N, C-alpha and C. Protein backbone atom coordinates (compact mmCIF):
# COMPACT_ATOMS: atom_id res chain seq x y z
N HIS A 1 -10.39 5.12 4.48
CA HIS A 1 -8.83 5.47 4.72
C HIS A 1 -8.69 6.87 3.76
N THR A 2 -7.35 7.39 4.27
CA THR A 2 -7.43 9.18 3.79
C THR A 2 -6.01 8.58 3.60
N CYS A 3 -5.87 9.50 1.99
CA CYS A 3 -4.64 9.62 1.28
C CYS A 3 -3.51 10.04 1.82
N GLY A 4 -2.11 9.41 2.39
CA GLY A 4 -1.19 10.65 3.11
C GLY A 4 -0.04 10.99 2.58
N TRP A 5 -0.07 10.56 1.25
CA TRP A 5 1.11 10.95 0.63
C TRP A 5 1.25 12.56 -0.10
N VAL A 6 2.70 12.85 -0.06
CA VAL A 6 2.96 14.09 0.17
C VAL A 6 2.34 14.87 -1.15
N VAL A 7 1.72 15.80 -1.75
CA VAL A 7 2.17 16.81 -2.69
C VAL A 7 2.45 17.64 -2.33
N GLY A 8 3.53 18.50 -2.75
CA GLY A 8 3.76 19.75 -2.68
C GLY A 8 4.51 19.14 -0.87
N SER A 9 3.99 19.94 -0.42
CA SER A 9 4.16 20.25 0.84
C SER A 9 3.05 19.86 2.26
N ASP A 10 1.66 19.33 1.73
CA ASP A 10 0.88 18.62 2.81
C ASP A 10 0.36 17.35 1.72
N PRO A 11 -0.10 16.97 2.58
CA PRO A 11 -0.90 15.20 2.42
C PRO A 11 -1.72 15.27 1.39
N CYS A 12 -1.86 14.50 0.49
CA CYS A 12 -3.30 14.66 -0.30
C CYS A 12 -4.72 14.82 0.07
N ASN A 13 -4.67 13.68 1.28
CA ASN A 13 -5.99 14.09 1.84
C ASN A 13 -7.21 12.96 1.51
N VAL A 14 -7.15 12.78 0.31
CA VAL A 14 -8.16 12.12 -0.42
C VAL A 14 -9.05 11.23 0.39
N VAL A 15 -9.88 11.17 0.62
CA VAL A 15 -10.73 9.80 1.31
C VAL A 15 -11.21 8.64 0.43
N LEU A 16 -10.54 7.48 0.56
CA LEU A 16 -10.63 6.21 -1.02
C LEU A 16 -11.25 5.27 0.36
N PHE A 17 -12.24 4.45 -0.81
CA PHE A 17 -12.09 2.37 -0.43
C PHE A 17 -10.91 2.07 -0.67
N PRO A 18 -10.55 1.16 -0.06
CA PRO A 18 -9.31 0.07 -0.43
C PRO A 18 -8.96 -0.03 -1.88
N GLY A 19 -10.19 -0.09 -2.47
CA GLY A 19 -10.23 -1.17 -3.53
C GLY A 19 -9.64 0.23 -4.83
N ASP A 20 -9.86 1.06 -3.99
CA ASP A 20 -9.84 2.00 -4.64
C ASP A 20 -8.12 2.90 -4.72
N PHE A 21 -7.23 2.38 -3.58
CA PHE A 21 -6.10 3.38 -3.67
C PHE A 21 -5.05 3.06 -4.65
N SER A 22 -4.88 1.60 -5.27
CA SER A 22 -4.08 1.01 -6.22
C SER A 22 -3.77 2.00 -7.70
N ARG A 23 -5.71 2.63 -8.03
CA ARG A 23 -5.62 3.55 -9.40
C ARG A 23 -4.99 4.84 -8.39
N HIS A 24 -5.43 5.19 -7.60
CA HIS A 24 -5.23 6.53 -7.18
C HIS A 24 -3.68 7.02 -6.92
N LEU A 25 -3.05 6.04 -6.28
CA LEU A 25 -1.89 5.83 -6.10
C LEU A 25 -0.46 6.35 -7.60
N ARG A 26 -1.28 5.77 -8.39
CA ARG A 26 -0.55 6.33 -10.33
C ARG A 26 -1.06 7.81 -10.42
N ASP A 27 -2.05 8.50 -9.78
CA ASP A 27 -1.85 10.12 -9.63
C ASP A 27 -0.44 10.62 -8.95
N HIS A 28 0.47 9.32 -8.49
CA HIS A 28 1.40 9.42 -7.45
C HIS A 28 2.25 9.49 -7.61
N GLY A 29 2.59 8.42 -8.98
CA GLY A 29 3.70 7.78 -9.85
C GLY A 29 3.95 6.71 -9.22
N VAL A 30 3.10 6.15 -8.59
CA VAL A 30 3.34 4.83 -8.06
C VAL A 30 2.51 4.08 -8.97
N HIS A 31 3.35 3.03 -9.87
CA HIS A 31 2.46 2.10 -10.77
C HIS A 31 3.82 1.19 -11.59
N GLY A 32 3.30 0.32 -12.05
CA GLY A 32 4.20 -0.76 -12.20
C GLY A 32 4.98 -1.80 -10.82
N ASN A 33 6.18 -2.55 -11.99
CA ASN A 33 6.57 -3.57 -11.43
C ASN A 33 8.12 -3.35 -11.52
N ASN A 34 8.62 -1.92 -12.36
CA ASN A 34 9.82 -1.68 -12.94
C ASN A 34 10.83 -1.89 -12.04
N ALA A 35 12.10 -1.81 -12.16
CA ALA A 35 13.32 -1.82 -11.67
C ALA A 35 13.47 0.11 -10.91
N ALA A 36 12.69 0.57 -11.51
CA ALA A 36 13.67 2.05 -10.79
C ALA A 36 12.84 2.24 -9.58
N THR A 37 13.29 2.81 -8.61
CA THR A 37 13.63 3.01 -6.92
C THR A 37 13.17 4.20 -6.68
N MET A 38 12.10 5.00 -5.99
CA MET A 38 11.29 5.77 -5.85
C MET A 38 11.50 5.77 -3.48
N SER A 39 11.37 6.80 -3.23
CA SER A 39 11.36 7.05 -1.82
C SER A 39 9.73 7.20 -1.65
N CYS A 40 9.30 6.38 -0.58
CA CYS A 40 7.29 6.47 -0.10
C CYS A 40 7.12 7.73 0.22
N GLY A 41 6.11 8.40 -0.63
CA GLY A 41 6.10 10.09 0.26
C GLY A 41 5.05 9.84 1.11
N TRP A 42 4.72 8.83 1.20
CA TRP A 42 3.52 8.79 2.96
C TRP A 42 4.30 10.53 3.68
N VAL A 43 3.10 10.69 4.34
CA VAL A 43 3.58 11.58 5.32
C VAL A 43 4.52 10.77 6.09
N ALA A 44 5.55 11.60 7.04
CA ALA A 44 6.59 10.95 7.67
C ALA A 44 7.14 9.37 7.40
N CYS A 45 7.19 8.81 6.51
CA CYS A 45 7.88 7.63 6.10
C CYS A 45 9.49 7.98 5.58
N ASP A 46 10.06 6.69 6.38
CA ASP A 46 11.33 6.66 6.14
C ASP A 46 11.92 5.67 5.75
N ALA A 47 11.12 4.67 5.02
CA ALA A 47 11.31 3.44 4.36
C ALA A 47 12.57 3.68 3.77
N PRO A 48 13.67 2.58 3.55
CA PRO A 48 14.44 2.79 2.44
C PRO A 48 13.69 2.82 0.85
N GLN A 49 14.79 3.42 -0.32
CA GLN A 49 13.76 3.51 -1.86
C GLN A 49 13.74 1.88 -1.88
N MET A 50 12.24 2.01 -3.00
CA MET A 50 11.80 0.07 -3.29
C MET A 50 11.17 0.61 -4.50
N ASN A 51 11.56 -0.61 -5.28
CA ASN A 51 10.85 -0.36 -6.94
C ASN A 51 9.07 0.13 -6.56
N ARG A 52 8.61 0.32 -7.34
CA ARG A 52 7.37 0.81 -7.49
C ARG A 52 6.33 -0.34 -7.84
N GLY A 53 6.76 -1.31 -7.74
CA GLY A 53 5.55 -2.38 -7.55
C GLY A 53 5.52 -2.75 -5.68
N ASN A 54 6.97 -2.70 -5.61
CA ASN A 54 6.71 -2.39 -3.50
C ASN A 54 6.16 -1.61 -3.04
N MET A 55 6.41 -0.87 -3.82
CA MET A 55 5.93 0.59 -3.29
C MET A 55 4.63 0.66 -3.15
N LEU A 56 3.21 -0.12 -3.78
CA LEU A 56 2.01 -0.55 -3.62
C LEU A 56 2.02 -0.89 -2.53
N ARG A 57 2.76 -1.98 -2.63
CA ARG A 57 2.61 -3.66 -1.12
C ARG A 57 2.46 -2.56 -0.03
N HIS A 58 3.93 -1.67 -0.18
CA HIS A 58 4.53 -1.06 1.28
C HIS A 58 3.13 -0.58 1.83
N VAL A 59 2.42 0.61 0.82
CA VAL A 59 1.41 1.40 1.26
C VAL A 59 0.51 0.51 1.65
N PHE A 60 0.00 -0.39 1.26
CA PHE A 60 -1.21 -0.97 1.54
C PHE A 60 -0.95 -1.75 2.91
N GLU A 61 0.15 -2.08 3.31
CA GLU A 61 0.53 -2.91 4.10
C GLU A 61 1.08 -2.61 5.67
N VAL A 62 2.05 -0.79 5.49
CA VAL A 62 2.38 -0.51 6.46
C VAL A 62 1.22 0.48 6.49
N HIS A 63 1.19 1.41 5.43
CA HIS A 63 0.42 2.76 6.04
C HIS A 63 -0.76 2.89 6.06
N LEU A 64 -1.82 1.69 5.34
CA LEU A 64 -3.85 1.37 5.25
C LEU A 64 -3.07 0.55 6.07
N GLU A 65 -2.61 -0.74 6.59
CA GLU A 65 -3.03 -1.77 7.76
C GLU A 65 -3.87 -2.11 7.48
N LEU A 66 -4.18 -2.75 5.64
CA LEU A 66 -5.07 -3.84 5.26
C LEU A 66 -4.46 -4.98 6.00
N ARG A 67 -5.45 -6.03 6.24
CA ARG A 67 -5.09 -7.25 7.01
C ARG A 67 -6.22 -8.29 6.23
N PHE A 68 -6.51 -9.29 5.95
CA PHE A 68 -6.72 -10.53 5.62
C PHE A 68 -7.40 -11.07 6.19
N GLU A 69 -8.10 -11.31 7.18
CA GLU A 69 -8.59 -12.70 7.58
C GLU A 69 -9.15 -13.90 6.92
N CYS A 70 -8.61 -14.86 7.97
CA CYS A 70 -9.17 -16.42 7.71
C CYS A 70 -10.39 -16.65 8.41
N PRO A 71 -11.51 -17.38 7.35
CA PRO A 71 -12.54 -17.27 8.09
C PRO A 71 -13.18 -18.25 8.53
N ASP A 72 -11.93 -19.22 8.06
CA ASP A 72 -11.83 -20.47 9.23
C ASP A 72 -10.91 -20.03 10.79
N CYS A 73 -10.08 -19.97 10.89
CA CYS A 73 -9.11 -20.04 12.04
C CYS A 73 -9.47 -18.24 12.37
N GLY A 74 -9.74 -17.53 12.11
CA GLY A 74 -9.52 -15.19 12.34
C GLY A 74 -7.82 -15.00 12.57
N MET A 75 -6.87 -16.53 12.21
CA MET A 75 -5.80 -15.27 11.60
C MET A 75 -5.86 -14.58 10.83
N SER A 76 -4.66 -13.01 11.15
CA SER A 76 -4.74 -12.26 9.79
C SER A 76 -3.23 -12.57 9.17
N PHE A 77 -3.67 -11.67 7.80
CA PHE A 77 -2.32 -11.68 6.84
C PHE A 77 -2.63 -10.39 6.48
N SER A 78 -1.15 -9.66 6.43
CA SER A 78 -1.38 -8.62 5.33
C SER A 78 -1.15 -8.35 4.63
N ARG A 79 -0.82 -9.90 3.66
CA ARG A 79 -1.25 -10.12 1.98
C ARG A 79 -2.26 -11.31 1.66
N ARG A 80 -2.62 -10.76 0.81
CA ARG A 80 -3.93 -11.85 0.45
C ARG A 80 -3.16 -12.74 -0.07
N ASN A 81 -2.34 -13.32 -0.94
CA ASN A 81 -1.51 -14.53 -1.48
C ASN A 81 -0.82 -15.66 -0.02
N SER A 82 -0.91 -14.42 1.10
CA SER A 82 -0.57 -15.28 2.10
C SER A 82 -1.49 -15.88 3.04
N LEU A 83 -3.02 -15.15 3.08
CA LEU A 83 -3.69 -15.84 3.05
C LEU A 83 -4.32 -16.92 2.76
N ASN A 84 -4.44 -17.17 1.21
CA ASN A 84 -4.58 -18.05 0.36
C ASN A 84 -3.78 -19.20 0.82
N ASN A 85 -2.74 -19.04 0.79
CA ASN A 85 -1.30 -20.06 1.35
C ASN A 85 -2.08 -20.81 2.40
N HIS A 86 -2.12 -19.89 3.59
CA HIS A 86 -2.04 -20.28 4.27
C HIS A 86 -4.12 -21.03 4.72
N ARG A 87 -5.28 -20.92 3.99
CA ARG A 87 -5.55 -21.84 3.53
C ARG A 87 -5.96 -23.49 2.87
N ARG A 88 -4.09 -22.97 2.38
CA ARG A 88 -4.75 -24.63 1.28
C ARG A 88 -4.61 -25.80 2.05
């Protein structure tokens, strides 16, 4: 996946494995679960402001479109905990 977070006037464009995005987004100021709100810095994103903890989830679900597929039935989920709840 390619990072689309805008730095200056251009997208970051660093290519990363999905597991490396959380750490990489810290370089862009996205970390923690504090109540401070921020705007999404992804190219052309007009999502409303959200706290930093939700921003990470937003990037994974909306921009990276990461999905977690159930090995039992094939349904897919945008969040791992939703898959885990489904499998119980």
